[in-house]
Amino acid sequence: MEDGIVTEQEIKEQAERIVSILKSMEKNYTEEQQREIKELLVEAGVLFTTSQYHALQSLHF
């Protein structure tokens, strides 16, 4: 992304990093901790998506 272009390969690599972290968490965190983290991730995803949608709305005159 340093070049200002996001490639499919970069997205794939980022997704793989996230999956790796989640697998590690499953081994090291209690079920309650995992539930809280998953809820946080979902809410962060919603915030990101809604903020991106809001930004796109400003592009429509």
PDB file of N, CA and C in Angstrom:
ATOM      1  N   MET A   1       0.817  -1.185   0.000  1.00  0.00           N
ATOM      2  CA  MET A   1       0.000   0.000   0.000  1.00  0.00           C
ATOM      3  C   MET A   1       0.868   1.259   0.000  1.00  0.00           C
ATOM      4  N   GLU A   2       2.135   1.087   0.186  1.00  0.00           N
ATOM      5  CA  GLU A   2       3.032   2.247   0.188  1.00  0.00           C
ATOM      6  C   GLU A   2       2.963   3.032  -1.113  1.00  0.00           C
ATOM      7  N   ASP A   3       2.622   2.343  -2.202  1.00  0.00           N
ATOM      8  CA  ASP A   3       2.551   3.011  -3.495  1.00  0.00           C
ATOM      9  C   ASP A   3       1.195   3.653  -3.755  1.00  0.00           C
ATOM     10  N   GLY A   4       0.285   3.569  -2.764  1.00  0.00           N
ATOM     11  CA  GLY A   4      -1.034   4.162  -2.922  1.00  0.00           C
ATOM     12  C   GLY A   4      -2.025   3.276  -3.650  1.00  0.00           C
ATOM     13  N   ILE A   5      -1.610   2.065  -3.972  1.00  0.00           N
ATOM     14  CA  ILE A   5      -2.480   1.111  -4.671  1.00  0.00           C
ATOM     15  C   ILE A   5      -2.630  -0.131  -3.798  1.00  0.00           C
ATOM     16  N   VAL A   6      -3.858  -0.574  -3.612  1.00  0.00           N
ATOM     17  CA  VAL A   6      -4.119  -1.778  -2.840  1.00  0.00           C
ATOM     18  C   VAL A   6      -4.392  -2.915  -3.818  1.00  0.00           C
ATOM     19  N   THR A   7      -3.574  -3.946  -3.752  1.00  0.00           N
ATOM     20  CA  THR A   7      -3.740  -5.079  -4.652  1.00  0.00           C
ATOM     21  C   THR A   7      -4.523  -6.195  -3.964  1.00  0.00           C
ATOM     22  N   GLU A   8      -5.035  -7.110  -4.768  1.00  0.00           N
ATOM     23  CA  GLU A   8      -5.722  -8.272  -4.208  1.00  0.00           C
ATOM     24  C   GLU A   8      -4.767  -9.086  -3.338  1.00  0.00           C
ATOM     25  N   GLN A   9      -3.516  -9.164  -3.731  1.00  0.00           N
ATOM     26  CA  GLN A   9      -2.513  -9.903  -2.953  1.00  0.00           C
ATOM     27  C   GLN A   9      -2.319  -9.272  -1.579  1.00  0.00           C
ATOM     28  N   GLU A  10      -2.287  -7.949  -1.501  1.00  0.00           N
ATOM     29  CA  GLU A  10      -2.153  -7.269  -0.216  1.00  0.00           C
ATOM     30  C   GLU A  10      -3.361  -7.536   0.682  1.00  0.00           C
ATOM     31  N   ILE A  11      -4.534  -7.549   0.086  1.00  0.00           N
ATOM     32  CA  ILE A  11      -5.738  -7.856   0.863  1.00  0.00           C
ATOM     33  C   ILE A  11      -5.673  -9.290   1.374  1.00  0.00           C
ATOM     34  N   LYS A  12      -5.266 -10.219   0.520  1.00  0.00           N
ATOM     35  CA  LYS A  12      -5.140 -11.629   0.912  1.00  0.00           C
ATOM     36  C   LYS A  12      -4.138 -11.783   2.052  1.00  0.00           C
ATOM     37  N   GLU A  13      -3.000 -11.131   1.949  1.00  0.00           N
ATOM     38  CA  GLU A  13      -1.975 -11.226   2.988  1.00  0.00           C
ATOM     39  C   GLU A  13      -2.473 -10.652   4.317  1.00  0.00           C
ATOM     40  N   GLN A  14      -3.203  -9.541   4.259  1.00  0.00           N
ATOM     41  CA  GLN A  14      -3.743  -8.949   5.486  1.00  0.00           C
ATOM     42  C   GLN A  14      -4.768  -9.887   6.110  1.00  0.00           C
ATOM     43  N   ALA A  15      -5.619 -10.475   5.292  1.00  0.00           N
ATOM     44  CA  ALA A  15      -6.617 -11.427   5.790  1.00  0.00           C
ATOM     45  C   ALA A  15      -5.928 -12.625   6.452  1.00  0.00           C
ATOM     46  N   GLU A  16      -4.855 -13.106   5.864  1.00  0.00           N
ATOM     47  CA  GLU A  16      -4.114 -14.233   6.438  1.00  0.00           C
ATOM     48  C   GLU A  16      -3.505 -13.863   7.786  1.00  0.00           C
ATOM     49  N   ARG A  17      -3.019 -12.630   7.922  1.00  0.00           N
ATOM     50  CA  ARG A  17      -2.474 -12.184   9.213  1.00  0.00           C
ATOM     51  C   ARG A  17      -3.569 -12.172  10.276  1.00  0.00           C
ATOM     52  N   ILE A  18      -4.742 -11.694   9.906  1.00  0.00           N
ATOM     53  CA  ILE A  18      -5.852 -11.644  10.854  1.00  0.00           C
ATOM     54  C   ILE A  18      -6.260 -13.049  11.280  1.00  0.00           C
ATOM     55  N   VAL A  19      -6.369 -13.969  10.335  1.00  0.00           N
ATOM     56  CA  VAL A  19      -6.732 -15.349  10.661  1.00  0.00           C
ATOM     57  C   VAL A  19      -5.695 -15.960  11.590  1.00  0.00           C
ATOM     58  N   SER A  20      -4.440 -15.695  11.347  1.00  0.00           N
ATOM     59  CA  SER A  20      -3.372 -16.209  12.201  1.00  0.00           C
ATOM     60  C   SER A  20      -3.505 -15.689  13.633  1.00  0.00           C
ATOM     61  N   ILE A  21      -3.800 -14.409  13.770  1.00  0.00           N
ATOM     62  CA  ILE A  21      -3.981 -13.813  15.100  1.00  0.00           C
ATOM     63  C   ILE A  21      -5.184 -14.433  15.797  1.00  0.00           C
ATOM     64  N   LEU A  22      -6.287 -14.604  15.065  1.00  0.00           N
ATOM     65  CA  LEU A  22      -7.487 -15.189  15.662  1.00  0.00           C
ATOM     66  C   LEU A  22      -7.245 -16.625  16.118  1.00  0.00           C
ATOM     67  N   LYS A  23      -6.498 -17.388  15.342  1.00  0.00           N
ATOM     68  CA  LYS A  23      -6.180 -18.769  15.734  1.00  0.00           C
ATOM     69  C   LYS A  23      -5.334 -18.786  17.000  1.00  0.00           C
ATOM     70  N   SER A  24      -4.399 -17.859  17.105  1.00  0.00           N
ATOM     71  CA  SER A  24      -3.578 -17.752  18.304  1.00  0.00           C
ATOM     72  C   SER A  24      -4.432 -17.390  19.508  1.00  0.00           C
ATOM     73  N   MET A  25      -5.375 -16.486  19.318  1.00  0.00           N
ATOM     74  CA  MET A  25      -6.266 -16.082  20.402  1.00  0.00           C
ATOM     75  C   MET A  25      -7.099 -17.255  20.903  1.00  0.00           C
ATOM     76  N   GLU A  26      -7.547 -18.109  19.989  1.00  0.00           N
ATOM     77  CA  GLU A  26      -8.353 -19.264  20.385  1.00  0.00           C
ATOM     78  C   GLU A  26      -7.587 -20.172  21.345  1.00  0.00           C
ATOM     79  N   LYS A  27      -6.285 -20.222  21.175  1.00  0.00           N
ATOM     80  CA  LYS A  27      -5.459 -21.073  22.032  1.00  0.00           C
ATOM     81  C   LYS A  27      -5.172 -20.431  23.383  1.00  0.00           C
ATOM     82  N   ASN A  28      -5.088 -19.112  23.411  1.00  0.00           N
ATOM     83  CA  ASN A  28      -4.576 -18.426  24.594  1.00  0.00           C
ATOM     84  C   ASN A  28      -5.614 -17.692  25.431  1.00  0.00           C
ATOM     85  N   TYR A  29      -6.817 -17.454  24.889  1.00  0.00           N
ATOM     86  CA  TYR A  29      -7.810 -16.654  25.597  1.00  0.00           C
ATOM     87  C   TYR A  29      -8.982 -17.524  26.033  1.00  0.00           C
ATOM     88  N   THR A  30      -9.609 -17.113  27.118  1.00  0.00           N
ATOM     89  CA  THR A  30     -10.798 -17.819  27.582  1.00  0.00           C
ATOM     90  C   THR A  30     -11.946 -17.564  26.604  1.00  0.00           C
ATOM     91  N   GLU A  31     -13.007 -18.364  26.728  1.00  0.00           N
ATOM     92  CA  GLU A  31     -14.163 -18.171  25.854  1.00  0.00           C
ATOM     93  C   GLU A  31     -14.769 -16.782  26.042  1.00  0.00           C
ATOM     94  N   GLU A  32     -14.838 -16.318  27.281  1.00  0.00           N
ATOM     95  CA  GLU A  32     -15.392 -14.984  27.548  1.00  0.00           C
ATOM     96  C   GLU A  32     -14.532 -13.898  26.901  1.00  0.00           C
ATOM     97  N   GLN A  33     -13.216 -14.011  26.999  1.00  0.00           N
ATOM     98  CA  GLN A  33     -12.330 -13.033  26.373  1.00  0.00           C
ATOM     99  C   GLN A  33     -12.504 -13.056  24.853  1.00  0.00           C
ATOM    100  N   GLN A  34     -12.597 -14.253  24.293  1.00  0.00           N
ATOM    101  CA  GLN A  34     -12.801 -14.373  22.848  1.00  0.00           C
ATOM    102  C   GLN A  34     -14.116 -13.733  22.424  1.00  0.00           C
ATOM    103  N   ARG A  35     -15.165 -13.940  23.191  1.00  0.00           N
ATOM    104  CA  ARG A  35     -16.470 -13.374  22.878  1.00  0.00           C
ATOM    105  C   ARG A  35     -16.401 -11.843  22.875  1.00  0.00           C
ATOM    106  N   GLU A  36     -15.738 -11.277  23.884  1.00  0.00           N
ATOM    107  CA  GLU A  36     -15.615  -9.823  23.958  1.00  0.00           C
ATOM    108  C   GLU A  36     -14.809  -9.266  22.791  1.00  0.00           C
ATOM    109  N   ILE A  37     -13.735  -9.941  22.446  1.00  0.00           N
ATOM    110  CA  ILE A  37     -12.895  -9.486  21.342  1.00  0.00           C
ATOM    111  C   ILE A  37     -13.648  -9.584  20.024  1.00  0.00           C
ATOM    112  N   LYS A  38     -14.383 -10.684  19.840  1.00  0.00           N
ATOM    113  CA  LYS A  38     -15.162 -10.837  18.610  1.00  0.00           C
ATOM    114  C   LYS A  38     -16.229  -9.755  18.508  1.00  0.00           C
ATOM    115  N   GLU A  39     -16.867  -9.433  19.622  1.00  0.00           N
ATOM    116  CA  GLU A  39     -17.867  -8.362  19.615  1.00  0.00           C
ATOM    117  C   GLU A  39     -17.216  -7.032  19.247  1.00  0.00           C
ATOM    118  N   LEU A  40     -16.040  -6.775  19.812  1.00  0.00           N
ATOM    119  CA  LEU A  40     -15.305  -5.556  19.482  1.00  0.00           C
ATOM    120  C   LEU A  40     -14.969  -5.508  17.996  1.00  0.00           C
ATOM    121  N   LEU A  41     -14.512  -6.622  17.446  1.00  0.00           N
ATOM    122  CA  LEU A  41     -14.164  -6.661  16.026  1.00  0.00           C
ATOM    123  C   LEU A  41     -15.384  -6.415  15.141  1.00  0.00           C
ATOM    124  N   VAL A  42     -16.507  -7.006  15.508  1.00  0.00           N
ATOM    125  CA  VAL A  42     -17.733  -6.796  14.740  1.00  0.00           C
ATOM    126  C   VAL A  42     -18.127  -5.322  14.773  1.00  0.00           C
ATOM    127  N   GLU A  43     -18.127  -4.726  15.959  1.00  0.00           N
ATOM    128  CA  GLU A  43     -18.515  -3.323  16.088  1.00  0.00           C
ATOM    129  C   GLU A  43     -17.534  -2.404  15.361  1.00  0.00           C
ATOM    130  N   ALA A  44     -16.246  -2.729  15.414  1.00  0.00           N
ATOM    131  CA  ALA A  44     -15.249  -1.941  14.680  1.00  0.00           C
ATOM    132  C   ALA A  44     -15.493  -2.059  13.178  1.00  0.00           C
ATOM    133  N   GLY A  45     -15.855  -3.254  12.724  1.00  0.00           N
ATOM    134  CA  GLY A  45     -16.182  -3.456  11.315  1.00  0.00           C
ATOM    135  C   GLY A  45     -17.392  -2.647  10.892  1.00  0.00           C
ATOM    136  N   VAL A  46     -18.409  -2.605  11.742  1.00  0.00           N
ATOM    137  CA  VAL A  46     -19.601  -1.816  11.458  1.00  0.00           C
ATOM    138  C   VAL A  46     -19.239  -0.336  11.387  1.00  0.00           C
ATOM    139  N   LEU A  47     -18.447   0.134  12.336  1.00  0.00           N
ATOM    140  CA  LEU A  47     -18.027   1.539  12.333  1.00  0.00           C
ATOM    141  C   LEU A  47     -17.255   1.867  11.061  1.00  0.00           C
ATOM    142  N   PHE A  48     -16.322   1.008  10.686  1.00  0.00           N
ATOM    143  CA  PHE A  48     -15.536   1.245   9.479  1.00  0.00           C
ATOM    144  C   PHE A  48     -16.434   1.286   8.245  1.00  0.00           C
ATOM    145  N   THR A  49     -17.332   0.312   8.138  1.00  0.00           N
ATOM    146  CA  THR A  49     -18.214   0.248   6.977  1.00  0.00           C
ATOM    147  C   THR A  49     -19.129   1.452   6.896  1.00  0.00           C
ATOM    148  N   THR A  50     -19.719   1.831   8.018  1.00  0.00           N
ATOM    149  CA  THR A  50     -20.631   2.977   7.988  1.00  0.00           C
ATOM    150  C   THR A  50     -19.879   4.278   7.714  1.00  0.00           C
ATOM    151  N   SER A  51     -18.674   4.401   8.230  1.00  0.00           N
ATOM    152  CA  SER A  51     -17.913   5.625   7.967  1.00  0.00           C
ATOM    153  C   SER A  51     -17.495   5.700   6.502  1.00  0.00           C
ATOM    154  N   GLN A  52     -17.162   4.555   5.901  1.00  0.00           N
ATOM    155  CA  GLN A  52     -16.821   4.543   4.482  1.00  0.00           C
ATOM    156  C   GLN A  52     -18.040   4.875   3.626  1.00  0.00           C
ATOM    157  N   TYR A  53     -19.192   4.329   4.001  1.00  0.00           N
ATOM    158  CA  TYR A  53     -20.433   4.621   3.284  1.00  0.00           C
ATOM    159  C   TYR A  53     -20.762   6.111   3.395  1.00  0.00           C
ATOM    160  N   HIS A  54     -20.578   6.652   4.580  1.00  0.00           N
ATOM    161  CA  HIS A  54     -20.827   8.085   4.789  1.00  0.00           C
ATOM    162  C   HIS A  54     -19.910   8.915   3.897  1.00  0.00           C
ATOM    163  N   ALA A  55     -18.651   8.531   3.811  1.00  0.00           N
ATOM    164  CA  ALA A  55     -17.704   9.259   2.966  1.00  0.00           C
ATOM    165  C   ALA A  55     -18.104   9.166   1.490  1.00  0.00           C
ATOM    166  N   LEU A  56     -18.585   8.004   1.073  1.00  0.00           N
ATOM    167  CA  LEU A  56     -19.024   7.842  -0.319  1.00  0.00           C
ATOM    168  C   LEU A  56     -20.249   8.684  -0.628  1.00  0.00           C
ATOM    169  N   GLN A  57     -21.112   8.881   0.358  1.00  0.00           N
ATOM    170  CA  GLN A  57     -22.301   9.685   0.136  1.00  0.00           C
ATOM    171  C   GLN A  57     -21.939  11.111  -0.284  1.00  0.00           C
ATOM    172  N   SER A  58     -20.850  11.615   0.242  1.00  0.00           N
ATOM    173  CA  SER A  58     -20.450  12.981  -0.093  1.00  0.00           C
ATOM    174  C   SER A  58     -19.970  13.103  -1.543  1.00  0.00           C
ATOM    175  N   LEU A  59     -19.681  11.990  -2.170  1.00  0.00           N
ATOM    176  CA  LEU A  59     -19.238  12.012  -3.562  1.00  0.00           C
ATOM    177  C   LEU A  59     -20.384  12.165  -4.533  1.00  0.00           C
ATOM    178  N   HIS A  60     -21.605  11.887  -4.082  1.00  0.00           N
ATOM    179  CA  HIS A  60     -22.792  12.001  -4.910  1.00  0.00           C
ATOM    180  C   HIS A  60     -23.386  13.412  -4.727  1.00  0.00           C
ATOM    181  N   PHE A  61     -23.313  14.187  -5.731  1.00  0.00           N
ATOM    182  CA  PHE A  61     -23.761  15.580  -5.614  1.00  0.00           C
ATOM    183  C   PHE A  61     -25.238  15.666  -5.734  1.00  0.00           C
TER     184      PHE A  61
END
